Protein backbone atom coordinates (compact mmCIF):
# COMPACT_ATOMS: atom_id res chain seq x y z
CA MET A 1 -42.29 30.06 15.50
CA ILE A 2 -41.44 33.68 14.68
CA GLU A 3 -37.77 33.01 15.46
CA PHE A 4 -37.85 29.96 13.20
CA ILE A 5 -39.31 31.96 10.29
CA ILE A 6 -36.72 34.71 10.78
CA ALA A 7 -33.93 32.10 10.74
CA LEU A 8 -35.27 30.61 7.51
CA GLN A 9 -35.45 34.05 5.92
CA ALA A 10 -31.82 34.63 6.89
CA LEU A 11 -30.90 31.42 5.06
CA LEU A 12 -32.46 32.72 1.84
CA THR A 13 -29.89 35.46 1.31
CA ALA A 14 -27.44 34.78 -1.52
CA THR A 15 -24.47 34.39 0.81
CA ALA A 16 -26.29 32.13 3.24
CA LEU A 17 -27.76 30.02 0.42
CA GLN A 18 -24.32 29.62 -1.13
CA ALA A 19 -22.92 28.46 2.21
CA LEU A 20 -25.85 26.05 2.69
CA LEU A 21 -25.37 24.48 -0.75
CA THR A 22 -21.63 24.16 -0.20
CA ALA A 23 -22.23 22.43 3.13
CA THR A 24 -24.83 20.20 1.47
CA LEU A 25 -22.20 18.76 -0.87
CA ARG A 26 -19.78 18.20 1.99
CA MET A 27 -22.43 16.48 4.11
CA ALA A 28 -23.64 14.38 1.18
CA THR A 29 -20.20 13.02 0.28
CA PRO A 30 -19.86 10.18 2.84
CA LEU A 31 -23.48 9.20 2.23
CA VAL A 32 -23.01 9.02 -1.54
CA TYR A 33 -19.84 6.93 -1.34
CA THR A 34 -21.57 4.45 0.96
CA ALA A 35 -24.87 4.36 -0.95
CA VAL A 36 -23.23 3.90 -4.36
CA GLY A 37 -21.24 0.99 -2.93
CA GLU A 38 -24.42 -0.55 -1.53
CA THR A 39 -26.07 -0.06 -4.92
CA TYR A 40 -23.47 -2.41 -6.44
CA SER A 41 -24.15 -5.00 -3.75
CA GLU A 42 -27.93 -4.83 -3.92
CA ARG A 43 -28.02 -4.87 -7.71
CA ALA A 44 -26.28 -8.24 -7.39
CA GLY A 45 -28.88 -9.45 -4.89
CA VAL A 46 -27.04 -8.99 -1.58
CA VAL A 47 -28.36 -6.66 1.14
CA ASN A 48 -25.67 -5.43 3.48
CA ILE A 49 -27.28 -3.56 6.35
CA GLY A 50 -23.90 -3.48 8.09
CA LEU A 51 -22.96 -0.18 6.42
CA GLU A 52 -22.90 1.63 9.75
CA GLY A 53 -20.31 -0.79 11.06
CA LEU A 54 -18.25 -0.60 7.87
CA MET A 55 -18.24 3.20 7.97
CA LEU A 56 -17.07 3.13 11.59
CA ILE A 57 -14.33 0.67 10.70
CA GLY A 58 -13.22 2.90 7.82
CA ALA A 59 -13.30 5.99 10.03
CA CYS A 60 -11.25 4.40 12.82
CA SER A 61 -8.73 2.89 10.39
CA ALA A 62 -8.21 6.18 8.57
CA TYR A 63 -7.85 8.13 11.80
CA ALA A 64 -5.32 5.68 13.26
CA VAL A 65 -3.14 5.63 10.16
CA VAL A 66 -3.23 9.41 9.71
CA PHE A 67 -2.52 9.84 13.43
CA TYR A 68 0.70 7.83 13.19
CA THR A 69 1.83 8.74 9.65
CA ALA A 70 0.21 12.12 8.86
CA ASN A 71 -0.37 10.66 5.39
CA LEU A 72 -3.95 11.28 4.31
CA MET A 73 -3.93 9.01 1.27
CA ALA A 74 -2.47 6.20 3.36
CA GLY A 75 -5.35 6.70 5.78
CA VAL A 76 -7.95 6.42 3.02
CA LEU A 77 -6.21 3.36 1.60
CA ALA A 78 -6.20 1.74 5.04
CA ALA A 79 -9.93 2.42 5.37
CA ILE A 80 -10.54 0.79 1.98
CA LEU A 81 -8.47 -2.30 2.77
CA VAL A 82 -9.79 -2.91 6.29
CA ALA A 83 -13.42 -2.34 5.29
CA ALA A 84 -12.95 -4.58 2.24
CA LEU A 85 -11.59 -7.31 4.54
CA PHE A 86 -14.72 -7.13 6.67
CA GLY A 87 -16.74 -7.10 3.45
CA LEU A 88 -15.00 -10.30 2.40
CA ALA A 89 -16.01 -11.91 5.70
CA PHE A 90 -19.59 -10.73 5.17
CA ALA A 91 -19.57 -12.16 1.62
CA TYR A 92 -18.25 -15.51 2.85
CA LEU A 93 -20.98 -15.82 5.46
CA THR A 94 -23.85 -14.68 3.24
CA VAL A 95 -22.83 -15.99 -0.20
CA THR A 96 -20.88 -19.15 0.60
CA VAL A 97 -22.33 -20.20 3.95
CA LYS A 98 -25.70 -18.64 2.96
CA ALA A 99 -26.39 -17.23 6.39
CA ASN A 100 -29.24 -14.75 6.75
CA GLN A 101 -28.06 -11.44 5.30
CA ILE A 102 -29.99 -9.28 7.74
CA ILE A 103 -28.64 -11.10 10.79
CA ILE A 104 -25.05 -10.98 9.54
CA GLY A 105 -25.42 -7.31 8.64
CA THR A 106 -26.74 -6.55 12.12
CA ALA A 107 -23.82 -8.43 13.62
CA LEU A 108 -21.43 -6.43 11.43
CA ASN A 109 -22.85 -3.20 12.83
CA MET A 110 -22.31 -4.46 16.36
CA VAL A 111 -18.80 -5.66 15.57
CA GLY A 112 -17.94 -2.34 13.94
CA LEU A 113 -19.15 -0.39 16.95
CA GLY A 114 -17.40 -2.68 19.43
CA VAL A 115 -14.08 -3.06 17.60
CA THR A 116 -13.67 0.63 16.84
CA GLY A 117 -14.63 1.57 20.40
CA PHE A 118 -12.06 -0.89 21.78
CA VAL A 119 -9.31 0.29 19.42
CA HIS A 120 -10.00 3.96 20.10
CA ARG A 121 -10.03 3.54 23.88
CA THR A 122 -6.98 1.28 23.93
CA LEU A 123 -4.75 3.27 21.57
CA PHE A 124 -5.93 6.81 22.12
CA ALA A 125 -8.51 7.70 24.79
CA GLN A 126 -6.98 5.84 27.75
CA THR A 127 -3.40 6.73 26.80
CA GLY A 128 -4.07 10.44 26.50
CA LEU A 129 -2.71 10.41 22.94
CA ALA A 130 -5.95 11.37 21.20
CA ARG A 131 -5.52 14.58 19.26
CA ALA A 132 -6.57 16.29 16.10
CA VAL A 133 -5.07 14.97 12.87
CA VAL A 134 -4.32 16.66 9.59
CA THR A 135 -7.27 16.75 7.19
CA PHE A 136 -7.85 17.16 3.48
CA GLN A 137 -7.89 20.84 2.61
CA ASN A 138 -9.98 22.52 -0.05
CA VAL A 139 -8.37 22.63 -3.49
CA PRO A 140 -10.03 25.32 -5.63
CA ILE A 141 -10.22 24.35 -9.30
CA PRO A 142 -8.59 27.20 -11.26
CA GLY A 143 -11.09 29.15 -13.32
CA LEU A 144 -14.15 27.14 -12.30
CA SER A 145 -13.97 28.13 -8.64
CA ALA A 146 -14.12 31.80 -9.68
CA ILE A 147 -17.54 31.46 -11.34
CA PRO A 148 -19.96 33.64 -9.36
CA PHE A 149 -22.11 31.72 -6.87
CA ILE A 150 -21.67 28.32 -8.60
CA GLY A 151 -17.88 28.22 -8.37
CA PRO A 152 -17.53 28.17 -4.57
CA VAL A 153 -20.43 25.74 -4.27
CA PHE A 154 -19.10 23.05 -6.62
CA PHE A 155 -15.43 23.73 -7.26
CA ASN A 156 -13.84 24.65 -3.93
CA HIS A 157 -13.75 21.36 -2.05
CA ASN A 158 -11.33 18.67 -0.94
CA LEU A 159 -10.24 15.70 -3.04
CA LEU A 160 -12.80 13.28 -1.61
CA VAL A 161 -15.67 15.54 -2.67
CA TYR A 162 -14.20 15.74 -6.17
CA GLY A 163 -13.88 11.95 -6.06
CA MET A 164 -17.64 11.77 -5.52
CA TYR A 165 -18.13 13.76 -8.74
CA VAL A 166 -16.23 11.03 -10.59
CA LEU A 167 -17.66 8.06 -8.69
CA VAL A 168 -21.34 8.61 -9.47
CA PRO A 169 -21.19 8.86 -13.30
CA LEU A 170 -18.53 6.13 -13.40
CA ALA A 171 -20.73 3.77 -11.37
CA ALA A 172 -23.71 4.58 -13.60
CA LEU A 173 -21.62 3.87 -16.69
CA ILE A 174 -20.34 0.57 -15.33
CA LEU A 175 -23.73 -0.69 -14.15
CA GLU A 176 -25.72 0.41 -17.19
CA LYS A 177 -23.31 0.26 -20.14
CA THR A 178 -20.74 -2.49 -19.54
CA SER A 179 -20.84 -6.27 -19.69
CA PHE A 180 -19.72 -6.39 -16.05
CA GLY A 181 -22.64 -4.19 -15.09
CA LEU A 182 -25.02 -6.33 -17.14
CA ALA A 183 -23.79 -9.43 -15.32
CA ILE A 184 -24.29 -7.71 -11.95
CA ARG A 185 -27.83 -6.68 -12.83
CA ALA A 186 -28.61 -10.15 -14.15
CA VAL A 187 -27.37 -11.79 -10.94
CA GLY A 188 -29.73 -9.59 -8.96
CA GLU A 189 -32.69 -10.40 -11.16
CA HIS A 190 -32.22 -13.96 -12.44
CA PRO A 191 -29.17 -15.69 -10.93
CA ARG A 192 -30.14 -19.03 -12.49
CA ALA A 193 -29.92 -17.50 -15.97
CA VAL A 194 -26.46 -16.16 -15.17
CA ASP A 195 -25.41 -19.57 -13.88
CA SER A 196 -26.73 -21.25 -17.04
CA VAL A 197 -24.41 -19.23 -19.30
CA GLY A 198 -21.33 -20.19 -17.30
CA LEU A 199 -20.87 -17.08 -15.14
CA ARG A 200 -20.23 -17.65 -11.45
CA VAL A 201 -22.97 -16.10 -9.37
CA SER A 202 -20.93 -16.35 -6.18
CA ALA A 203 -17.91 -14.59 -7.72
CA LEU A 204 -20.03 -11.68 -8.92
CA ARG A 205 -21.70 -11.33 -5.55
CA TYR A 206 -18.36 -11.49 -3.74
CA ALA A 207 -17.00 -8.76 -6.02
CA THR A 208 -19.93 -6.40 -5.50
CA VAL A 209 -20.04 -6.90 -1.73
CA ILE A 210 -16.32 -6.12 -1.47
CA ILE A 211 -16.71 -3.06 -3.74
CA GLY A 212 -19.58 -1.88 -1.55
CA ALA A 213 -17.58 -2.41 1.64
CA ALA A 214 -14.57 -0.55 0.24
CA LEU A 215 -16.69 2.44 -0.74
CA ALA A 216 -18.36 2.42 2.68
CA GLY A 217 -14.84 2.50 4.11
CA ILE A 218 -14.11 5.66 2.12
CA GLY A 219 -17.40 7.14 3.31
CA GLY A 220 -16.36 6.45 6.89
CA ALA A 221 -12.81 7.73 6.37
CA TYR A 222 -14.23 11.03 5.15
CA LEU A 223 -15.57 11.85 8.60
CA PRO A 224 -12.31 12.06 10.60
CA VAL A 225 -9.94 13.16 7.81
CA ALA A 226 -12.07 15.49 5.70
CA HIS A 227 -15.06 16.56 7.78
CA ALA A 228 -13.77 16.61 11.35
CA ASN A 229 -10.22 16.03 12.59
CA GLN A 230 -10.96 13.50 15.32
CA PHE A 231 -12.39 10.04 15.71
CA VAL A 232 -15.29 9.76 18.14
CA GLU A 233 -17.01 6.51 19.04
CA GLY A 234 -20.20 6.15 17.01
CA MET A 235 -19.34 9.23 14.95
CA THR A 236 -21.23 7.92 11.91
CA ALA A 237 -24.44 8.73 13.82
CA GLY A 238 -26.74 6.62 11.68
CA ARG A 239 -25.30 7.61 8.30
CA GLY A 240 -24.99 3.97 7.29
CA PHE A 241 -28.73 3.47 7.75
CA ILE A 242 -29.45 6.68 5.83
CA ALA A 243 -27.29 5.34 2.99
CA LEU A 244 -29.45 2.19 2.95
CA ALA A 245 -32.54 4.35 2.58
CA MET A 246 -30.84 6.33 -0.20
CA VAL A 247 -30.41 3.19 -2.29
CA ALA A 248 -34.15 2.47 -2.20
CA PHE A 249 -35.11 6.12 -2.61
CA GLY A 250 -32.73 6.38 -5.58
CA ARG A 251 -34.37 3.29 -7.14
CA TRP A 252 -31.12 1.31 -7.14
CA LYS A 253 -29.39 3.67 -9.56
CA PRO A 254 -26.18 5.63 -8.87
CA MET A 255 -27.63 8.89 -10.16
CA GLY A 256 -30.69 8.34 -8.00
CA THR A 257 -28.50 7.91 -4.92
CA TRP A 258 -26.72 11.15 -5.86
CA TRP A 259 -29.95 13.13 -5.74
CA ALA A 260 -30.98 11.36 -2.55
CA GLY A 261 -27.58 12.21 -1.08
CA LEU A 262 -28.11 15.89 -1.86
CA LEU A 263 -31.49 15.75 -0.13
CA PHE A 264 -30.11 14.18 3.02
CA GLY A 265 -26.97 16.31 2.90
CA ALA A 266 -29.17 19.40 2.78
CA ALA A 267 -31.06 18.14 5.85
CA PHE A 268 -27.78 17.73 7.77
CA ALA A 269 -26.53 21.15 6.66
CA LEU A 270 -29.84 22.85 7.47
CA GLN A 271 -30.09 21.47 10.98
CA LEU A 272 -26.55 22.66 11.76
CA ARG A 273 -27.36 26.16 10.56
CA LEU A 274 -30.60 26.26 12.48
CA GLN A 275 -28.67 25.27 15.61
CA ALA A 276 -26.19 28.07 14.92
CA ALA A 277 -29.11 30.52 14.72
CA HIS A 278 -29.66 29.98 18.49
CA LEU A 279 -33.36 29.37 18.15
CA ASN A 280 -35.39 28.90 21.29
CA VAL A 281 -35.77 25.23 20.35
CA ALA A 282 -34.09 22.21 21.91
CA TYR A 283 -31.13 21.27 19.73
CA GLN A 284 -32.14 17.59 19.97
CA PHE A 285 -35.29 18.46 18.04
CA LEU A 286 -33.23 20.00 15.24
CA GLN A 287 -30.89 17.00 15.17
CA ILE A 288 -33.72 14.66 14.21
CA LEU A 289 -34.29 16.54 10.93
CA PRO A 290 -32.10 14.25 8.73
CA TYR A 291 -33.73 11.14 10.17
CA LEU A 292 -37.20 12.61 9.75
CA VAL A 293 -36.35 13.25 6.11
CA THR A 294 -35.19 9.62 5.86
CA LEU A 295 -38.55 8.35 7.13
CA MET A 296 -40.44 10.64 4.77
CA ALA A 297 -38.32 9.48 1.84
CA LEU A 298 -39.04 5.83 2.63
CA ILE A 299 -42.76 6.53 2.91
CA PHE A 300 -42.71 8.45 -0.36
CA SER A 301 -40.86 5.66 -2.20
CA ARG A 302 -43.21 2.97 -0.87
CA GLY A 303 -45.04 1.31 -3.72
CA GLN A 304 -42.52 2.60 -6.27
CA SER A 305 -39.97 -0.12 -5.61
CA ALA A 306 -37.69 -1.19 -8.42
CA GLN A 307 -35.65 -3.54 -6.29
CA PRO A 308 -33.94 -6.55 -7.91
CA GLU A 309 -36.07 -9.67 -7.92
CA ALA A 310 -33.46 -11.82 -6.16
CA LEU A 311 -32.53 -9.21 -3.55
CA GLY A 312 -31.69 -10.91 -0.26
CA VAL A 313 -32.23 -14.42 -1.69
CA PRO A 314 -29.29 -16.87 -1.38
CA TYR A 315 -28.54 -18.84 -4.54
CA GLU A 316 -27.84 -22.54 -4.68
CA ALA A 317 -25.94 -23.59 -7.80
CA GLY A 318 -28.12 -25.78 -9.96
CA SER A 319 -31.29 -24.94 -8.03
C-alpha cells in the first residue's frame, strides 16, 4: 500500500502529469473513433456488438497493407474499406434479413478473431516475415505545441489523434444540426414516422452501420500503425466492448463519448504507468483497471439511460 501511494504521488508531479495526460489522449483515440461510429449506428436503432471483431479486421488490414507498401494512408484506407465491407454484411443480415442483432454481432466478433488470426499466421507468423512496420509520427502544431504544459498534451500527436479532434465535433454537428442527423435520430426513435414521410428506414440504417464499421476500422488501424508497430492476435484486448460501454455512458452523444473516452484512456494510461513503477503488485491486477472502470461506468449510468426507443428493434415496412 505504501508503495502504491508513493507511485501515485510520483504521478502528481507536473512532468509526470503532463506525460499521463498525453498518454490518455493517445489511448483514448481508438476508443473514440469506434464509439462515435457506434453512436451513429445506435442512434439509428441498430446495435452492433461486433466492434471488437471490426477493430481486429481494421488492425490486420492496416498492418498487412503497410507491411507490403510502407504507405500509412493506404493502410488506414484499407482498414476503412475492409471493415465497411463487413459492416455491409452485418447490415444485410440485421436490417434486410432481420436476424437478431446481438447474435450477428457476436458472430462478427468470432469471425474477426478467426479471420485475422488465420491471415496473420498464414502471411506473417508461419513464414517468418512478421516485423515492425512504419508508424505515424508525431507532428507538432507550430506555435500551439510550444504552449507550456498544454501544448505537448494536445498539440504534439500523430495525424489520427488530430483526426479525432475533428471527428467528435463534426459528428455532433451532423447528428444534432443537419437534416441527415435528424433523419438518423428519427429512425432510432420512431421508424414508422420516418417511413410515413417517404424516407427509407433501411437505407438510413445501412448507412449508419457502414459508417460505424468504417470508423471502427480506423480505431483498429490505429493500434498497429500509430500505437504499436506490430499486429498481434487479439491486440484490441476488449477495446471494442469498452467502446460499446462508452456509447451508453456518453448518453448516445458524440461529445459524451469523447469524455468517456478520456476516462477510459486515462485508465489505460494509468495502469501502464503503475506497471512501470515496479510495484509489488501482480501486473494482472493492474491490467484489470480499465475494465473495472468500464463496469463502474455502466453501474453509474444505470437508470440514466437515454437510449433510442427503437434500439435493437427490426423494422418491417408498413408495420
